[in-house]
Amino acid sequence: MARFLADENFNNQIVRGVLRQSPDIDVVRVQDVDLSGVNDPTVLAWAAKEGRIVLTHDVATMITFAYERIQAELSMPGLFEVSRRVPVGLAIEEIILIAECSLEGEWEGQVRFLPLR
């Protein structure tokens, strides 16, 4: 099952909804692992070390740093950019689907946008 790291500004309603509907999904927030206030490259490096896919709303910078990791051939377990315009319920459904249906390492080196459909 996929494991996630929600970045600092990720909507906590989405995180709570995922955990309420599927408590077995492994999702932590940057705040939960003492990464509050650190820069995006540090968040991505921690996620890579822990094998966690990053969930973000930050299309401006996080995606750029993710592509830099990929280009440098560094581990990047995946990044999902969730538009703030995506309804909370749909975001929750998509994250649960990804968590439950993904193969280990399936999202390595990929940047994707939710919803996937």
N, C-alpha and C. Protein backbone atom coordinates (compact mmCIF):
# COMPACT_ATOMS: atom_id res chain seq x y z
N MET A 1 0.84 -1.18 0.00
CA MET A 1 0.00 0.00 0.00
C MET A 1 0.89 1.25 0.00
N ALA A 2 0.51 2.22 -0.80
CA ALA A 2 1.27 3.47 -0.89
C ALA A 2 1.25 4.20 0.45
N ARG A 3 2.36 4.88 0.73
CA ARG A 3 2.48 5.69 1.95
C ARG A 3 2.64 7.15 1.52
N PHE A 4 2.08 8.07 2.31
CA PHE A 4 2.04 9.47 1.91
C PHE A 4 2.63 10.40 2.95
N LEU A 5 3.09 11.55 2.44
CA LEU A 5 3.49 12.68 3.26
C LEU A 5 2.75 13.90 2.74
N ALA A 6 1.90 14.49 3.56
CA ALA A 6 1.18 15.71 3.18
C ALA A 6 2.05 16.91 3.54
N ASP A 7 2.30 17.76 2.54
CA ASP A 7 3.17 18.90 2.83
C ASP A 7 2.47 19.90 3.75
N GLU A 8 3.22 20.90 4.17
CA GLU A 8 2.80 21.79 5.25
C GLU A 8 1.47 22.49 5.01
N ASN A 9 1.19 22.86 3.79
CA ASN A 9 -0.03 23.61 3.50
C ASN A 9 -1.14 22.74 2.91
N PHE A 10 -0.97 21.43 2.97
CA PHE A 10 -1.99 20.54 2.41
C PHE A 10 -3.24 20.59 3.28
N ASN A 11 -4.40 20.56 2.65
CA ASN A 11 -5.68 20.67 3.32
C ASN A 11 -5.87 19.54 4.34
N ASN A 12 -5.92 19.89 5.62
CA ASN A 12 -6.08 18.88 6.67
C ASN A 12 -7.44 18.19 6.63
N GLN A 13 -8.44 18.83 6.02
CA GLN A 13 -9.73 18.17 5.86
C GLN A 13 -9.58 16.91 4.99
N ILE A 14 -8.72 17.02 3.99
CA ILE A 14 -8.48 15.87 3.12
C ILE A 14 -7.77 14.76 3.90
N VAL A 15 -6.74 15.12 4.64
CA VAL A 15 -6.00 14.13 5.43
C VAL A 15 -6.94 13.45 6.43
N ARG A 16 -7.72 14.23 7.16
CA ARG A 16 -8.65 13.66 8.14
C ARG A 16 -9.68 12.76 7.46
N GLY A 17 -10.18 13.19 6.31
CA GLY A 17 -11.17 12.39 5.58
C GLY A 17 -10.60 11.06 5.12
N VAL A 18 -9.37 11.07 4.63
CA VAL A 18 -8.72 9.82 4.21
C VAL A 18 -8.61 8.88 5.40
N LEU A 19 -8.13 9.40 6.52
CA LEU A 19 -7.93 8.55 7.70
C LEU A 19 -9.26 8.10 8.31
N ARG A 20 -10.29 8.92 8.21
CA ARG A 20 -11.61 8.54 8.73
C ARG A 20 -12.19 7.38 7.90
N GLN A 21 -12.05 7.48 6.59
CA GLN A 21 -12.64 6.46 5.72
C GLN A 21 -11.79 5.20 5.62
N SER A 22 -10.48 5.37 5.72
CA SER A 22 -9.55 4.23 5.59
C SER A 22 -8.43 4.40 6.60
N PRO A 23 -8.68 4.04 7.85
CA PRO A 23 -7.68 4.26 8.90
C PRO A 23 -6.37 3.51 8.71
N ASP A 24 -6.34 2.52 7.83
CA ASP A 24 -5.11 1.75 7.60
C ASP A 24 -4.14 2.46 6.65
N ILE A 25 -4.60 3.51 6.00
CA ILE A 25 -3.72 4.23 5.06
C ILE A 25 -2.68 4.99 5.87
N ASP A 26 -1.45 4.88 5.43
CA ASP A 26 -0.31 5.50 6.12
C ASP A 26 -0.06 6.88 5.51
N VAL A 27 -0.60 7.89 6.18
CA VAL A 27 -0.37 9.27 5.75
C VAL A 27 0.02 10.09 6.97
N VAL A 28 1.14 10.79 6.83
CA VAL A 28 1.59 11.71 7.88
C VAL A 28 1.72 13.09 7.28
N ARG A 29 1.65 14.07 8.16
CA ARG A 29 1.82 15.46 7.73
C ARG A 29 3.24 15.91 8.05
N VAL A 30 3.70 16.88 7.31
CA VAL A 30 5.02 17.46 7.58
C VAL A 30 5.12 17.87 9.05
N GLN A 31 4.04 18.43 9.57
CA GLN A 31 4.02 18.87 10.97
C GLN A 31 4.21 17.70 11.94
N ASP A 32 3.78 16.51 11.55
CA ASP A 32 3.86 15.34 12.42
C ASP A 32 5.28 14.79 12.54
N VAL A 33 6.13 15.12 11.59
CA VAL A 33 7.48 14.54 11.56
C VAL A 33 8.55 15.62 11.70
N ASP A 34 8.18 16.71 12.37
CA ASP A 34 9.11 17.80 12.69
C ASP A 34 9.78 18.43 11.47
N LEU A 35 9.01 18.58 10.38
CA LEU A 35 9.55 19.24 9.19
C LEU A 35 8.88 20.58 8.92
N SER A 36 8.12 21.09 9.89
CA SER A 36 7.45 22.38 9.70
C SER A 36 8.48 23.46 9.39
N GLY A 37 8.18 24.24 8.37
CA GLY A 37 9.03 25.38 8.03
C GLY A 37 10.25 25.05 7.19
N VAL A 38 10.50 23.78 6.89
CA VAL A 38 11.67 23.44 6.07
C VAL A 38 11.34 23.67 4.59
N ASN A 39 12.36 23.77 3.78
CA ASN A 39 12.15 24.04 2.35
C ASN A 39 11.71 22.78 1.60
N ASP A 40 11.20 23.00 0.41
CA ASP A 40 10.67 21.89 -0.40
C ASP A 40 11.70 20.80 -0.68
N PRO A 41 12.95 21.13 -1.05
CA PRO A 41 13.92 20.06 -1.29
C PRO A 41 14.13 19.16 -0.06
N THR A 42 14.08 19.74 1.13
CA THR A 42 14.24 18.94 2.35
C THR A 42 13.05 18.02 2.55
N VAL A 43 11.84 18.52 2.27
CA VAL A 43 10.63 17.70 2.37
C VAL A 43 10.73 16.53 1.39
N LEU A 44 11.12 16.81 0.17
CA LEU A 44 11.24 15.76 -0.85
C LEU A 44 12.31 14.74 -0.49
N ALA A 45 13.42 15.21 0.07
CA ALA A 45 14.49 14.29 0.47
C ALA A 45 14.02 13.38 1.60
N TRP A 46 13.30 13.94 2.58
CA TRP A 46 12.78 13.13 3.67
C TRP A 46 11.79 12.10 3.14
N ALA A 47 10.89 12.53 2.26
CA ALA A 47 9.90 11.62 1.68
C ALA A 47 10.59 10.49 0.92
N ALA A 48 11.64 10.81 0.18
CA ALA A 48 12.38 9.79 -0.56
C ALA A 48 13.03 8.79 0.40
N LYS A 49 13.63 9.29 1.45
CA LYS A 49 14.28 8.42 2.43
C LYS A 49 13.27 7.48 3.08
N GLU A 50 12.05 7.97 3.30
CA GLU A 50 11.01 7.20 3.97
C GLU A 50 10.10 6.45 2.99
N GLY A 51 10.32 6.63 1.69
CA GLY A 51 9.50 5.96 0.69
C GLY A 51 8.06 6.43 0.66
N ARG A 52 7.86 7.74 0.82
CA ARG A 52 6.52 8.31 0.88
C ARG A 52 6.25 9.21 -0.32
N ILE A 53 5.05 9.07 -0.86
CA ILE A 53 4.57 9.93 -1.95
C ILE A 53 4.12 11.25 -1.33
N VAL A 54 4.53 12.35 -1.91
CA VAL A 54 4.18 13.66 -1.37
C VAL A 54 2.84 14.12 -1.96
N LEU A 55 1.99 14.62 -1.07
CA LEU A 55 0.73 15.25 -1.45
C LEU A 55 0.90 16.75 -1.26
N THR A 56 0.57 17.54 -2.27
CA THR A 56 0.79 18.98 -2.18
C THR A 56 -0.29 19.75 -2.95
N HIS A 57 -0.44 21.00 -2.59
CA HIS A 57 -1.24 21.94 -3.37
C HIS A 57 -0.29 22.92 -4.08
N ASP A 58 1.00 22.83 -3.79
CA ASP A 58 2.01 23.80 -4.22
C ASP A 58 2.53 23.49 -5.63
N VAL A 59 1.82 24.02 -6.61
CA VAL A 59 2.23 23.80 -8.00
C VAL A 59 3.39 24.72 -8.38
N ALA A 60 3.57 25.80 -7.64
CA ALA A 60 4.58 26.80 -8.01
C ALA A 60 6.01 26.32 -7.81
N THR A 61 6.31 25.69 -6.67
CA THR A 61 7.71 25.33 -6.41
C THR A 61 7.95 23.84 -6.20
N MET A 62 7.05 23.16 -5.52
CA MET A 62 7.29 21.75 -5.19
C MET A 62 7.51 20.91 -6.44
N ILE A 63 6.75 21.16 -7.47
CA ILE A 63 6.88 20.38 -8.70
C ILE A 63 8.24 20.60 -9.34
N THR A 64 8.70 21.83 -9.33
CA THR A 64 10.02 22.14 -9.89
C THR A 64 11.11 21.35 -9.18
N PHE A 65 11.06 21.33 -7.85
CA PHE A 65 12.07 20.60 -7.08
C PHE A 65 11.95 19.09 -7.29
N ALA A 66 10.72 18.60 -7.46
CA ALA A 66 10.54 17.17 -7.74
C ALA A 66 11.19 16.80 -9.07
N TYR A 67 10.97 17.62 -10.09
CA TYR A 67 11.60 17.34 -11.39
C TYR A 67 13.12 17.46 -11.31
N GLU A 68 13.63 18.36 -10.48
CA GLU A 68 15.08 18.45 -10.30
C GLU A 68 15.63 17.16 -9.70
N ARG A 69 14.92 16.58 -8.72
CA ARG A 69 15.35 15.30 -8.14
C ARG A 69 15.37 14.21 -9.20
N ILE A 70 14.32 14.17 -10.01
CA ILE A 70 14.23 13.16 -11.06
C ILE A 70 15.38 13.32 -12.05
N GLN A 71 15.63 14.55 -12.47
CA GLN A 71 16.70 14.82 -13.43
C GLN A 71 18.07 14.45 -12.86
N ALA A 72 18.23 14.66 -11.55
CA ALA A 72 19.50 14.33 -10.89
C ALA A 72 19.60 12.84 -10.56
N GLU A 73 18.58 12.07 -10.97
CA GLU A 73 18.51 10.63 -10.72
C GLU A 73 18.51 10.29 -9.24
N LEU A 74 17.87 11.16 -8.46
CA LEU A 74 17.67 10.91 -7.04
C LEU A 74 16.30 10.27 -6.86
N SER A 75 16.16 9.52 -5.80
CA SER A 75 14.87 8.88 -5.53
C SER A 75 13.78 9.94 -5.34
N MET A 76 12.62 9.67 -5.92
CA MET A 76 11.46 10.55 -5.74
C MET A 76 10.24 9.64 -5.87
N PRO A 77 9.74 9.12 -4.72
CA PRO A 77 8.68 8.12 -4.74
C PRO A 77 7.38 8.54 -5.40
N GLY A 78 7.25 9.81 -5.70
CA GLY A 78 6.05 10.31 -6.37
C GLY A 78 5.58 11.60 -5.75
N LEU A 79 4.87 12.37 -6.56
CA LEU A 79 4.30 13.65 -6.09
C LEU A 79 2.93 13.78 -6.73
N PHE A 80 1.94 14.02 -5.89
CA PHE A 80 0.60 14.30 -6.38
C PHE A 80 0.23 15.73 -6.03
N GLU A 81 -0.03 16.50 -7.07
CA GLU A 81 -0.49 17.88 -6.88
C GLU A 81 -2.00 17.85 -6.93
N VAL A 82 -2.62 18.28 -5.84
CA VAL A 82 -4.07 18.30 -5.73
C VAL A 82 -4.50 19.76 -5.82
N SER A 83 -5.17 20.10 -6.89
CA SER A 83 -5.64 21.48 -7.06
C SER A 83 -6.57 21.83 -5.91
N ARG A 84 -6.49 23.07 -5.46
CA ARG A 84 -7.39 23.54 -4.40
C ARG A 84 -8.83 23.60 -4.91
N ARG A 85 -9.00 23.54 -6.22
CA ARG A 85 -10.35 23.56 -6.81
C ARG A 85 -11.02 22.19 -6.80
N VAL A 86 -10.25 21.13 -6.54
CA VAL A 86 -10.82 19.79 -6.49
C VAL A 86 -11.65 19.67 -5.21
N PRO A 87 -12.90 19.24 -5.33
CA PRO A 87 -13.72 19.05 -4.11
C PRO A 87 -13.04 18.11 -3.13
N VAL A 88 -13.17 18.42 -1.85
CA VAL A 88 -12.52 17.63 -0.80
C VAL A 88 -12.89 16.15 -0.91
N GLY A 89 -14.17 15.86 -1.12
CA GLY A 89 -14.61 14.47 -1.22
C GLY A 89 -13.95 13.72 -2.35
N LEU A 90 -13.79 14.38 -3.49
CA LEU A 90 -13.14 13.75 -4.63
C LEU A 90 -11.66 13.51 -4.35
N ALA A 91 -11.00 14.48 -3.72
CA ALA A 91 -9.58 14.31 -3.37
C ALA A 91 -9.41 13.12 -2.43
N ILE A 92 -10.30 13.00 -1.46
CA ILE A 92 -10.24 11.87 -0.52
C ILE A 92 -10.38 10.55 -1.27
N GLU A 93 -11.38 10.46 -2.14
CA GLU A 93 -11.60 9.23 -2.91
C GLU A 93 -10.38 8.86 -3.75
N GLU A 94 -9.79 9.86 -4.40
CA GLU A 94 -8.64 9.59 -5.28
C GLU A 94 -7.43 9.09 -4.48
N ILE A 95 -7.18 9.72 -3.34
CA ILE A 95 -6.02 9.32 -2.52
C ILE A 95 -6.23 7.90 -1.99
N ILE A 96 -7.44 7.58 -1.55
CA ILE A 96 -7.73 6.23 -1.08
C ILE A 96 -7.54 5.22 -2.21
N LEU A 97 -8.05 5.55 -3.38
CA LEU A 97 -7.89 4.67 -4.54
C LEU A 97 -6.41 4.42 -4.85
N ILE A 98 -5.63 5.48 -4.86
CA ILE A 98 -4.19 5.36 -5.12
C ILE A 98 -3.53 4.49 -4.06
N ALA A 99 -3.86 4.74 -2.79
CA ALA A 99 -3.24 3.99 -1.70
C ALA A 99 -3.56 2.50 -1.80
N GLU A 100 -4.81 2.19 -2.09
CA GLU A 100 -5.24 0.80 -2.06
C GLU A 100 -4.91 0.02 -3.33
N CYS A 101 -4.74 0.71 -4.44
CA CYS A 101 -4.58 0.01 -5.72
C CYS A 101 -3.19 0.11 -6.34
N SER A 102 -2.31 0.84 -5.71
CA SER A 102 -0.98 1.03 -6.29
C SER A 102 -0.04 -0.10 -5.91
N LEU A 103 0.82 -0.42 -6.83
CA LEU A 103 1.89 -1.37 -6.56
C LEU A 103 3.05 -0.61 -5.93
N GLU A 104 3.85 -1.30 -5.15
CA GLU A 104 5.00 -0.66 -4.52
C GLU A 104 5.93 -0.10 -5.60
N GLY A 105 6.29 1.16 -5.46
CA GLY A 105 7.19 1.81 -6.40
C GLY A 105 6.55 2.27 -7.69
N GLU A 106 5.25 2.09 -7.83
CA GLU A 106 4.56 2.43 -9.08
C GLU A 106 4.68 3.90 -9.46
N TRP A 107 4.75 4.77 -8.48
CA TRP A 107 4.75 6.22 -8.76
C TRP A 107 6.15 6.82 -8.71
N GLU A 108 7.17 5.99 -8.56
CA GLU A 108 8.56 6.47 -8.50
C GLU A 108 8.87 7.35 -9.71
N GLY A 109 9.41 8.52 -9.42
CA GLY A 109 9.83 9.43 -10.48
C GLY A 109 8.70 10.10 -11.23
N GLN A 110 7.50 10.08 -10.67
CA GLN A 110 6.35 10.65 -11.38
C GLN A 110 5.74 11.82 -10.62
N VAL A 111 5.31 12.79 -11.38
CA VAL A 111 4.54 13.92 -10.86
C VAL A 111 3.17 13.82 -11.53
N ARG A 112 2.13 13.74 -10.73
CA ARG A 112 0.78 13.58 -11.25
C ARG A 112 -0.13 14.64 -10.63
N PHE A 113 -1.23 14.85 -11.31
CA PHE A 113 -2.20 15.85 -10.87
C PHE A 113 -3.52 15.15 -10.57
N LEU A 114 -4.13 15.49 -9.44
CA LEU A 114 -5.42 14.92 -9.09
C LEU A 114 -6.52 15.91 -9.40
N PRO A 115 -7.65 15.43 -9.90
CA PRO A 115 -7.99 14.03 -10.04
C PRO A 115 -7.31 13.40 -11.26
N LEU A 116 -7.10 12.08 -11.19
CA LEU A 116 -6.44 11.35 -12.27
C LEU A 116 -7.35 11.21 -13.48
N ARG A 117 -8.64 11.23 -13.29
CA ARG A 117 -9.59 11.02 -14.38
C ARG A 117 -9.69 12.22 -15.29
